[in-house]
């Protein structure tokens, strides 16, 4: 039916259900997607989506326009650099407050919402996280585990997750997505324009890396993967773009074999 769908290589650009809603005032249906899912108008209509919430700064003005599913933008940035992230915490918390206010208003109206960012992992995942915890009674770590089961490598920016925990005013230590060597994955959206299909390509590359590390490849596997990631990025840059000449989706993974 309309429940969570598998993500990864070969998976369609789908919206995954996070919260049930029946379209009546007082209920909010919440779906979660990447950029590709947010421009799949046919699918969104089939799911009954009535509002789109884009939380990717780089996707503002780039989603397909359809008057029956209007777009609201809260332009968040996905930042991993330590110093820049510290400075972004306050901005993120203000934006999360704005997002929660928007969703609460839409709940009063009985809207069915699709939330997206570029890759459907960090910013949109954080939006889903604060909704589950603030409005649906979920504990933070349980909600994180749930969302990571819905989509691969979700909530992979520890700084953004920390901002969400601070915003919720709770005590929680959220681990990274587990890697095969006992460490964890950091997953950050790349700069540049969003590109439909980029998320599945990213997940395929990440899955290969995870398998290598689980097989005991250690640092050699990580080094080999780094070369593959660069080659993957170069390939994407060489592909012709129909809409955006400088569109670039390439994964940025922090410390592939030794993040803890």
C-alpha atoms as a PDB file:
ATOM      1  CA  UNK A   1       0.000   0.000   0.000  1.00  0.00           C
ATOM      2  CA  UNK A   2       1.223   3.448   0.990  1.00  0.00           C
ATOM      3  CA  UNK A   3       3.601   2.428   3.754  1.00  0.00           C
ATOM      4  CA  UNK A   4       7.382   2.738   3.948  1.00  0.00           C
ATOM      5  CA  UNK A   5       9.268   1.571   0.890  1.00  0.00           C
ATOM      6  CA  UNK A   6      12.744   0.191   0.578  1.00  0.00           C
ATOM      7  CA  UNK A   7      15.411   2.673  -0.433  1.00  0.00           C
ATOM      8  CA  UNK A   8      18.627   2.153  -2.325  1.00  0.00           C
ATOM      9  CA  UNK A   9      19.858   1.376  -5.807  1.00  0.00           C
ATOM     10  CA  UNK A  10      17.015   0.636  -8.190  1.00  0.00           C
ATOM     11  CA  UNK A  11      14.341   1.911  -5.806  1.00  0.00           C
ATOM     12  CA  UNK A  12      11.916   4.404  -7.320  1.00  0.00           C
ATOM     13  CA  UNK A  13      11.746   8.014  -6.141  1.00  0.00           C
ATOM     14  CA  UNK A  14       8.959   7.410  -3.658  1.00  0.00           C
ATOM     15  CA  UNK A  15       7.489   9.200  -0.684  1.00  0.00           C
ATOM     16  CA  UNK A  16       7.533   7.144   2.504  1.00  0.00           C
ATOM     17  CA  UNK A  17       4.761   7.399   5.072  1.00  0.00           C
ATOM     18  CA  UNK A  18       5.824   8.720   8.475  1.00  0.00           C
ATOM     19  CA  UNK A  19       2.495   9.641  10.095  1.00  0.00           C
ATOM     20  CA  UNK A  20      -1.073   8.630   9.277  1.00  0.00           C
ATOM     21  CA  UNK A  21      -3.623  11.273   8.383  1.00  0.00           C
ATOM     22  CA  UNK A  22      -7.188  10.983   7.125  1.00  0.00           C
ATOM     23  CA  UNK A  23      -7.493  14.440   5.572  1.00  0.00           C
ATOM     24  CA  UNK A  24      -9.841  15.719   8.252  1.00  0.00           C
ATOM     25  CA  UNK A  25      -9.122  18.763  10.438  1.00  0.00           C
ATOM     26  CA  UNK A  26      -7.078  17.746  13.462  1.00  0.00           C
ATOM     27  CA  UNK A  27      -5.021  15.125  11.606  1.00  0.00           C
ATOM     28  CA  UNK A  28      -1.772  15.450   9.656  1.00  0.00           C
ATOM     29  CA  UNK A  29      -0.574  12.908   7.129  1.00  0.00           C
ATOM     30  CA  UNK A  30       3.197  13.090   6.735  1.00  0.00           C
ATOM     31  CA  UNK A  31       5.232  11.634   3.895  1.00  0.00           C
ATOM     32  CA  UNK A  32       9.003  11.918   3.466  1.00  0.00           C
ATOM     33  CA  UNK A  33      11.022  12.015   0.255  1.00  0.00           C
ATOM     34  CA  UNK A  34      14.110  13.263  -1.505  1.00  0.00           C
ATOM     35  CA  UNK A  35      14.042  15.849  -4.297  1.00  0.00           C
ATOM     36  CA  UNK A  36      13.049  13.212  -6.856  1.00  0.00           C
ATOM     37  CA  UNK A  37      10.002  12.206  -4.832  1.00  0.00           C
ATOM     38  CA  UNK A  38       8.970  15.827  -4.342  1.00  0.00           C
ATOM     39  CA  UNK A  39       8.780  16.457  -8.099  1.00  0.00           C
ATOM     40  CA  UNK A  40       6.892  13.223  -8.812  1.00  0.00           C
ATOM     41  CA  UNK A  41       3.511  14.920  -9.076  1.00  0.00           C
ATOM     42  CA  UNK A  42       1.630  11.825 -10.214  1.00  0.00           C
ATOM     43  CA  UNK A  43       2.795   9.862  -7.194  1.00  0.00           C
ATOM     44  CA  UNK A  44       2.071  12.704  -4.770  1.00  0.00           C
ATOM     45  CA  UNK A  45      -1.480  13.008  -6.087  1.00  0.00           C
ATOM     46  CA  UNK A  46      -1.977   9.259  -5.810  1.00  0.00           C
ATOM     47  CA  UNK A  47      -0.978   9.479  -2.142  1.00  0.00           C
ATOM     48  CA  UNK A  48      -3.419  12.320  -1.570  1.00  0.00           C
ATOM     49  CA  UNK A  49      -0.685  14.853  -0.786  1.00  0.00           C
ATOM     50  CA  UNK A  50      -2.063  18.389  -0.516  1.00  0.00           C
ATOM     51  CA  UNK A  51       1.020  20.343   0.594  1.00  0.00           C
ATOM     52  CA  UNK A  52       4.761  20.152  -0.067  1.00  0.00           C
ATOM     53  CA  UNK A  53       7.310  21.339   2.498  1.00  0.00           C
ATOM     54  CA  UNK A  54      10.770  21.798   1.007  1.00  0.00           C
ATOM     55  CA  UNK A  55      13.520  22.205   3.620  1.00  0.00           C
ATOM     56  CA  UNK A  56      16.520  22.297   1.258  1.00  0.00           C
ATOM     57  CA  UNK A  57      17.921  25.759   0.554  1.00  0.00           C
ATOM     58  CA  UNK A  58      19.352  24.587  -2.778  1.00  0.00           C
ATOM     59  CA  UNK A  59      15.952  23.277  -3.954  1.00  0.00           C
ATOM     60  CA  UNK A  60      14.052  26.544  -3.487  1.00  0.00           C
ATOM     61  CA  UNK A  61      12.385  27.429  -6.782  1.00  0.00           C
ATOM     62  CA  UNK A  62      13.372  24.128  -8.399  1.00  0.00           C
ATOM     63  CA  UNK A  63      10.431  21.853  -7.554  1.00  0.00           C
ATOM     64  CA  UNK A  64       7.872  21.216 -10.276  1.00  0.00           C
ATOM     65  CA  UNK A  65       4.990  23.644  -9.878  1.00  0.00           C
ATOM     66  CA  UNK A  66       1.495  22.232  -9.518  1.00  0.00           C
ATOM     67  CA  UNK A  67      -1.244  24.481  -8.167  1.00  0.00           C
ATOM     68  CA  UNK A  68      -3.038  21.565  -6.514  1.00  0.00           C
ATOM     69  CA  UNK A  69       0.011  20.779  -4.322  1.00  0.00           C
ATOM     70  CA  UNK A  70       1.509  24.134  -3.300  1.00  0.00           C
ATOM     71  CA  UNK A  71       5.054  24.418  -1.986  1.00  0.00           C
ATOM     72  CA  UNK A  72       6.248  26.037   1.233  1.00  0.00           C
ATOM     73  CA  UNK A  73       9.998  26.561   1.635  1.00  0.00           C
ATOM     74  CA  UNK A  74      12.049  26.646   4.833  1.00  0.00           C
ATOM     75  CA  UNK A  75      15.549  26.959   3.317  1.00  0.00           C
ATOM     76  CA  UNK A  76      17.826  24.943   5.609  1.00  0.00           C
ATOM     77  CA  UNK A  77      21.476  24.182   4.846  1.00  0.00           C
ATOM     78  CA  UNK A  78      23.123  20.799   5.472  1.00  0.00           C
ATOM     79  CA  UNK A  79      26.427  21.761   7.130  1.00  0.00           C
ATOM     80  CA  UNK A  80      29.038  19.410   8.579  1.00  0.00           C
ATOM     81  CA  UNK A  81      32.076  21.659   9.037  1.00  0.00           C
ATOM     82  CA  UNK A  82      32.539  21.873  12.820  1.00  0.00           C
ATOM     83  CA  UNK A  83      32.936  25.642  13.098  1.00  0.00           C
ATOM     84  CA  UNK A  84      30.191  26.472  10.613  1.00  0.00           C
ATOM     85  CA  UNK A  85      27.843  23.944  12.198  1.00  0.00           C
ATOM     86  CA  UNK A  86      28.286  25.488  15.640  1.00  0.00           C
ATOM     87  CA  UNK A  87      27.284  28.830  14.180  1.00  0.00           C
ATOM     88  CA  UNK A  88      24.328  27.224  12.368  1.00  0.00           C
ATOM     89  CA  UNK A  89      22.767  25.668  15.474  1.00  0.00           C
ATOM     90  CA  UNK A  90      20.784  28.790  16.348  1.00  0.00           C
ATOM     91  CA  UNK A  91      19.525  29.180  12.781  1.00  0.00           C
ATOM     92  CA  UNK A  92      18.522  25.529  12.578  1.00  0.00           C
ATOM     93  CA  UNK A  93      16.583  25.740  15.841  1.00  0.00           C
ATOM     94  CA  UNK A  94      14.682  28.805  14.618  1.00  0.00           C
ATOM     95  CA  UNK A  95      13.903  27.014  11.368  1.00  0.00           C
ATOM     96  CA  UNK A  96      12.736  23.905  13.222  1.00  0.00           C
ATOM     97  CA  UNK A  97      10.416  26.102  15.265  1.00  0.00           C
ATOM     98  CA  UNK A  98       9.032  27.575  12.032  1.00  0.00           C
ATOM     99  CA  UNK A  99       8.596  24.084  10.567  1.00  0.00           C
ATOM    100  CA  UNK A 100       6.744  22.827  13.632  1.00  0.00           C
ATOM    101  CA  UNK A 101       4.449  25.844  13.535  1.00  0.00           C
ATOM    102  CA  UNK A 102       3.682  25.238   9.848  1.00  0.00           C
ATOM    103  CA  UNK A 103       2.929  21.561  10.427  1.00  0.00           C
ATOM    104  CA  UNK A 104       0.681  22.335  13.394  1.00  0.00           C
ATOM    105  CA  UNK A 105      -1.303  24.777  11.254  1.00  0.00           C
ATOM    106  CA  UNK A 106      -1.617  22.190   8.510  1.00  0.00           C
ATOM    107  CA  UNK A 107      -2.787  19.628  11.064  1.00  0.00           C
ATOM    108  CA  UNK A 108      -5.629  21.962  12.004  1.00  0.00           C
ATOM    109  CA  UNK A 109      -6.561  22.044   8.312  1.00  0.00           C
ATOM    110  CA  UNK A 110      -6.250  18.275   7.843  1.00  0.00           C
ATOM    111  CA  UNK A 111      -3.502  18.490   5.228  1.00  0.00           C
ATOM    112  CA  UNK A 112      -1.493  15.580   3.802  1.00  0.00           C
ATOM    113  CA  UNK A 113       2.124  16.757   3.604  1.00  0.00           C
ATOM    114  CA  UNK A 114       5.230  15.613   1.756  1.00  0.00           C
ATOM    115  CA  UNK A 115       8.461  16.927   3.280  1.00  0.00           C
ATOM    116  CA  UNK A 116      11.649  16.835   1.226  1.00  0.00           C
ATOM    117  CA  UNK A 117      15.233  18.005   1.154  1.00  0.00           C
ATOM    118  CA  UNK A 118      17.814  17.136  -1.499  1.00  0.00           C
ATOM    119  CA  UNK A 119      18.628  13.546  -0.555  1.00  0.00           C
ATOM    120  CA  UNK A 120      15.724  12.830   1.786  1.00  0.00           C
ATOM    121  CA  UNK A 121      17.999  12.076   4.731  1.00  0.00           C
ATOM    122  CA  UNK A 122      19.094  14.919   7.036  1.00  0.00           C
ATOM    123  CA  UNK A 123      16.971  18.053   6.884  1.00  0.00           C
ATOM    124  CA  UNK A 124      13.719  16.329   5.937  1.00  0.00           C
ATOM    125  CA  UNK A 125      14.582  13.499   8.327  1.00  0.00           C
ATOM    126  CA  UNK A 126      15.052  16.032  11.124  1.00  0.00           C
ATOM    127  CA  UNK A 127      11.659  17.515  10.265  1.00  0.00           C
ATOM    128  CA  UNK A 128      10.098  14.068  10.647  1.00  0.00           C
ATOM    129  CA  UNK A 129      12.032  13.544  13.882  1.00  0.00           C
ATOM    130  CA  UNK A 130      10.761  16.679  15.592  1.00  0.00           C
ATOM    131  CA  UNK A 131       7.189  15.947  14.507  1.00  0.00           C
ATOM    132  CA  UNK A 132       7.272  12.408  15.880  1.00  0.00           C
ATOM    133  CA  UNK A 133       8.823  13.549  19.167  1.00  0.00           C
ATOM    134  CA  UNK A 134       6.942  16.820  19.729  1.00  0.00           C
ATOM    135  CA  UNK A 135       3.508  15.746  18.503  1.00  0.00           C
ATOM    136  CA  UNK A 136       3.309  11.942  18.362  1.00  0.00           C
ATOM    137  CA  UNK A 137       4.848  10.925  21.691  1.00  0.00           C
ATOM    138  CA  UNK A 138       8.022   9.289  20.393  1.00  0.00           C
ATOM    139  CA  UNK A 139      11.277   9.197  22.385  1.00  0.00           C
ATOM    140  CA  UNK A 140      14.194  10.605  20.389  1.00  0.00           C
ATOM    141  CA  UNK A 141      16.315   7.476  19.947  1.00  0.00           C
ATOM    142  CA  UNK A 142      13.310   5.304  19.162  1.00  0.00           C
ATOM    143  CA  UNK A 143      12.186   7.817  16.540  1.00  0.00           C
ATOM    144  CA  UNK A 144      15.701   7.958  15.025  1.00  0.00           C
ATOM    145  CA  UNK A 145      15.819   4.151  14.783  1.00  0.00           C
ATOM    146  CA  UNK A 146      12.368   4.118  13.203  1.00  0.00           C
ATOM    147  CA  UNK A 147      13.286   6.730  10.593  1.00  0.00           C
ATOM    148  CA  UNK A 148      16.555   4.972   9.735  1.00  0.00           C
ATOM    149  CA  UNK A 149      14.541   1.825   9.034  1.00  0.00           C
ATOM    150  CA  UNK A 150      12.359   3.774   6.629  1.00  0.00           C
ATOM    151  CA  UNK A 151      15.236   5.212   4.592  1.00  0.00           C
ATOM    152  CA  UNK A 152      18.909   4.284   4.385  1.00  0.00           C
ATOM    153  CA  UNK A 153      21.541   6.420   6.177  1.00  0.00           C
ATOM    154  CA  UNK A 154      18.951   8.882   7.460  1.00  0.00           C
ATOM    155  CA  UNK A 155      19.798  11.521  10.049  1.00  0.00           C
ATOM    156  CA  UNK A 156      23.455  11.324   9.105  1.00  0.00           C
ATOM    157  CA  UNK A 157      24.493  14.846  10.118  1.00  0.00           C
ATOM    158  CA  UNK A 158      25.269  14.712  13.860  1.00  0.00           C
ATOM    159  CA  UNK A 159      25.281  18.512  14.186  1.00  0.00           C
ATOM    160  CA  UNK A 160      21.778  18.820  12.769  1.00  0.00           C
ATOM    161  CA  UNK A 161      20.563  15.985  14.983  1.00  0.00           C
ATOM    162  CA  UNK A 162      22.054  17.802  17.980  1.00  0.00           C
ATOM    163  CA  UNK A 163      20.153  20.947  16.988  1.00  0.00           C
ATOM    164  CA  UNK A 164      16.943  18.908  16.905  1.00  0.00           C
ATOM    165  CA  UNK A 165      17.626  17.421  20.346  1.00  0.00           C
ATOM    166  CA  UNK A 166      18.352  20.889  21.730  1.00  0.00           C
ATOM    167  CA  UNK A 167      15.189  22.236  20.113  1.00  0.00           C
ATOM    168  CA  UNK A 168      13.133  19.455  21.706  1.00  0.00           C
ATOM    169  CA  UNK A 169      14.754  20.239  25.094  1.00  0.00           C
ATOM    170  CA  UNK A 170      15.442  16.620  25.911  1.00  0.00           C
ATOM    171  CA  UNK A 171      18.486  14.642  26.980  1.00  0.00           C
ATOM    172  CA  UNK A 172      19.556  12.200  24.270  1.00  0.00           C
ATOM    173  CA  UNK A 173      22.743  10.859  22.721  1.00  0.00           C
ATOM    174  CA  UNK A 174      22.034   9.817  19.147  1.00  0.00           C
ATOM    175  CA  UNK A 175      24.647   7.507  17.583  1.00  0.00           C
ATOM    176  CA  UNK A 176      25.746   7.705  13.974  1.00  0.00           C
ATOM    177  CA  UNK A 177      24.413   5.246  11.430  1.00  0.00           C
ATOM    178  CA  UNK A 178      26.426   2.116  12.273  1.00  0.00           C
ATOM    179  CA  UNK A 179      29.270   1.081   9.977  1.00  0.00           C
ATOM    180  CA  UNK A 180      30.652  -2.414   9.680  1.00  0.00           C
ATOM    181  CA  UNK A 181      33.872  -1.638  11.570  1.00  0.00           C
ATOM    182  CA  UNK A 182      32.200  -0.456  14.763  1.00  0.00           C
ATOM    183  CA  UNK A 183      32.296   3.178  13.669  1.00  0.00           C
ATOM    184  CA  UNK A 184      29.560   5.156  11.974  1.00  0.00           C
ATOM    185  CA  UNK A 185      28.518   6.921   8.807  1.00  0.00           C
ATOM    186  CA  UNK A 186      28.313  10.655   8.353  1.00  0.00           C
ATOM    187  CA  UNK A 187      26.150  11.619   5.360  1.00  0.00           C
ATOM    188  CA  UNK A 188      25.966  15.210   4.103  1.00  0.00           C
ATOM    189  CA  UNK A 189      24.136  16.630   1.091  1.00  0.00           C
ATOM    190  CA  UNK A 190      26.537  18.031  -1.513  1.00  0.00           C
ATOM    191  CA  UNK A 191      26.441  21.647  -2.661  1.00  0.00           C
ATOM    192  CA  UNK A 192      24.827  22.527  -5.958  1.00  0.00           C
ATOM    193  CA  UNK A 193      21.435  22.009  -7.524  1.00  0.00           C
ATOM    194  CA  UNK A 194      19.411  18.908  -6.612  1.00  0.00           C
ATOM    195  CA  UNK A 195      19.239  16.150  -9.208  1.00  0.00           C
ATOM    196  CA  UNK A 196      16.510  13.534  -9.580  1.00  0.00           C
ATOM    197  CA  UNK A 197      17.992  10.043  -9.234  1.00  0.00           C
ATOM    198  CA  UNK A 198      21.039  11.172  -7.302  1.00  0.00           C
ATOM    199  CA  UNK A 199      19.915   9.632  -4.021  1.00  0.00           C
ATOM    200  CA  UNK A 200      19.682   6.084  -5.372  1.00  0.00           C
ATOM    201  CA  UNK A 201      23.157   6.415  -6.889  1.00  0.00           C
ATOM    202  CA  UNK A 202      24.510   7.643  -3.570  1.00  0.00           C
ATOM    203  CA  UNK A 203      22.907   4.772  -1.671  1.00  0.00           C
ATOM    204  CA  UNK A 204      24.341   2.203  -4.065  1.00  0.00           C
ATOM    205  CA  UNK A 205      27.841   3.565  -3.511  1.00  0.00           C
ATOM    206  CA  UNK A 206      27.359   3.725   0.255  1.00  0.00           C
ATOM    207  CA  UNK A 207      26.002   0.166   0.360  1.00  0.00           C
ATOM    208  CA  UNK A 208      29.089  -1.078  -1.440  1.00  0.00           C
ATOM    209  CA  UNK A 209      31.285   0.723   1.077  1.00  0.00           C
ATOM    210  CA  UNK A 210      29.357  -0.736   3.973  1.00  0.00           C
ATOM    211  CA  UNK A 211      29.755  -4.250   2.599  1.00  0.00           C
ATOM    212  CA  UNK A 212      33.501  -3.727   2.186  1.00  0.00           C
ATOM    213  CA  UNK A 213      33.912  -2.528   5.744  1.00  0.00           C
ATOM    214  CA  UNK A 214      31.782  -5.367   7.112  1.00  0.00           C
ATOM    215  CA  UNK A 215      33.989  -7.840   5.292  1.00  0.00           C
ATOM    216  CA  UNK A 216      36.997  -6.567   7.228  1.00  0.00           C
ATOM    217  CA  UNK A 217      38.555  -4.417   4.528  1.00  0.00           C
ATOM    218  CA  UNK A 218      39.409  -1.715   7.059  1.00  0.00           C
ATOM    219  CA  UNK A 219      41.449   1.235   5.943  1.00  0.00           C
ATOM    220  CA  UNK A 220      42.338  -0.261   2.558  1.00  0.00           C
ATOM    221  CA  UNK A 221      38.660  -0.643   1.751  1.00  0.00           C
ATOM    222  CA  UNK A 222      38.000   2.929   2.821  1.00  0.00           C
ATOM    223  CA  UNK A 223      40.847   4.211   0.651  1.00  0.00           C
ATOM    224  CA  UNK A 224      39.582   2.250  -2.327  1.00  0.00           C
ATOM    225  CA  UNK A 225      36.077   3.558  -1.709  1.00  0.00           C
ATOM    226  CA  UNK A 226      37.293   7.146  -1.567  1.00  0.00           C
ATOM    227  CA  UNK A 227      38.710   6.737  -5.074  1.00  0.00           C
ATOM    228  CA  UNK A 228      35.403   5.259  -6.242  1.00  0.00           C
ATOM    229  CA  UNK A 229      33.477   8.144  -4.715  1.00  0.00           C
ATOM    230  CA  UNK A 230      35.663  10.628  -6.596  1.00  0.00           C
ATOM    231  CA  UNK A 231      35.156   8.720  -9.821  1.00  0.00           C
ATOM    232  CA  UNK A 232      31.407   8.656  -9.085  1.00  0.00           C
ATOM    233  CA  UNK A 233      31.424  12.433  -8.603  1.00  0.00           C
ATOM    234  CA  UNK A 234      33.377  12.995 -11.825  1.00  0.00           C
ATOM    235  CA  UNK A 235      30.922  10.825 -13.752  1.00  0.00           C
ATOM    236  CA  UNK A 236      27.972  12.802 -12.459  1.00  0.00           C
ATOM    237  CA  UNK A 237      29.642  16.078 -13.420  1.00  0.00           C
ATOM    238  CA  UNK A 238      30.136  14.811 -16.976  1.00  0.00           C
ATOM    239  CA  UNK A 239      26.511  13.799 -17.450  1.00  0.00           C
ATOM    240  CA  UNK A 240      24.395  16.273 -19.466  1.00  0.00           C
ATOM    241  CA  UNK A 241      21.718  18.021 -17.456  1.00  0.00           C
ATOM    242  CA  UNK A 242      18.313  18.796 -18.907  1.00  0.00           C
ATOM    243  CA  UNK A 243      17.448  21.580 -16.471  1.00  0.00           C
ATOM    244  CA  UNK A 244      20.534  22.658 -14.549  1.00  0.00           C
ATOM    245  CA  UNK A 245      23.946  22.821 -16.168  1.00  0.00           C
ATOM    246  CA  UNK A 246      25.818  22.812 -12.868  1.00  0.00           C
ATOM    247  CA  UNK A 247      23.735  20.176 -11.086  1.00  0.00           C
ATOM    248  CA  UNK A 248      25.932  17.950  -8.947  1.00  0.00           C
ATOM    249  CA  UNK A 249      24.944  15.225  -6.558  1.00  0.00           C
ATOM    250  CA  UNK A 250      27.840  13.378  -4.968  1.00  0.00           C
ATOM    251  CA  UNK A 251      28.106  11.852  -1.517  1.00  0.00           C
ATOM    252  CA  UNK A 252      30.229  13.365   1.191  1.00  0.00           C
ATOM    253  CA  UNK A 253      30.974  10.738   3.825  1.00  0.00           C
ATOM    254  CA  UNK A 254      33.022  11.648   6.842  1.00  0.00           C
ATOM    255  CA  UNK A 255      35.906   9.372   7.886  1.00  0.00           C
ATOM    256  CA  UNK A 256      34.719   6.264   6.084  1.00  0.00           C
ATOM    257  CA  UNK A 257      36.446   3.720   8.275  1.00  0.00           C
ATOM    258  CA  UNK A 258      36.910   5.455  11.594  1.00  0.00           C
ATOM    259  CA  UNK A 259      34.015   7.625  12.730  1.00  0.00           C
ATOM    260  CA  UNK A 260      32.968   7.045  16.295  1.00  0.00           C
END
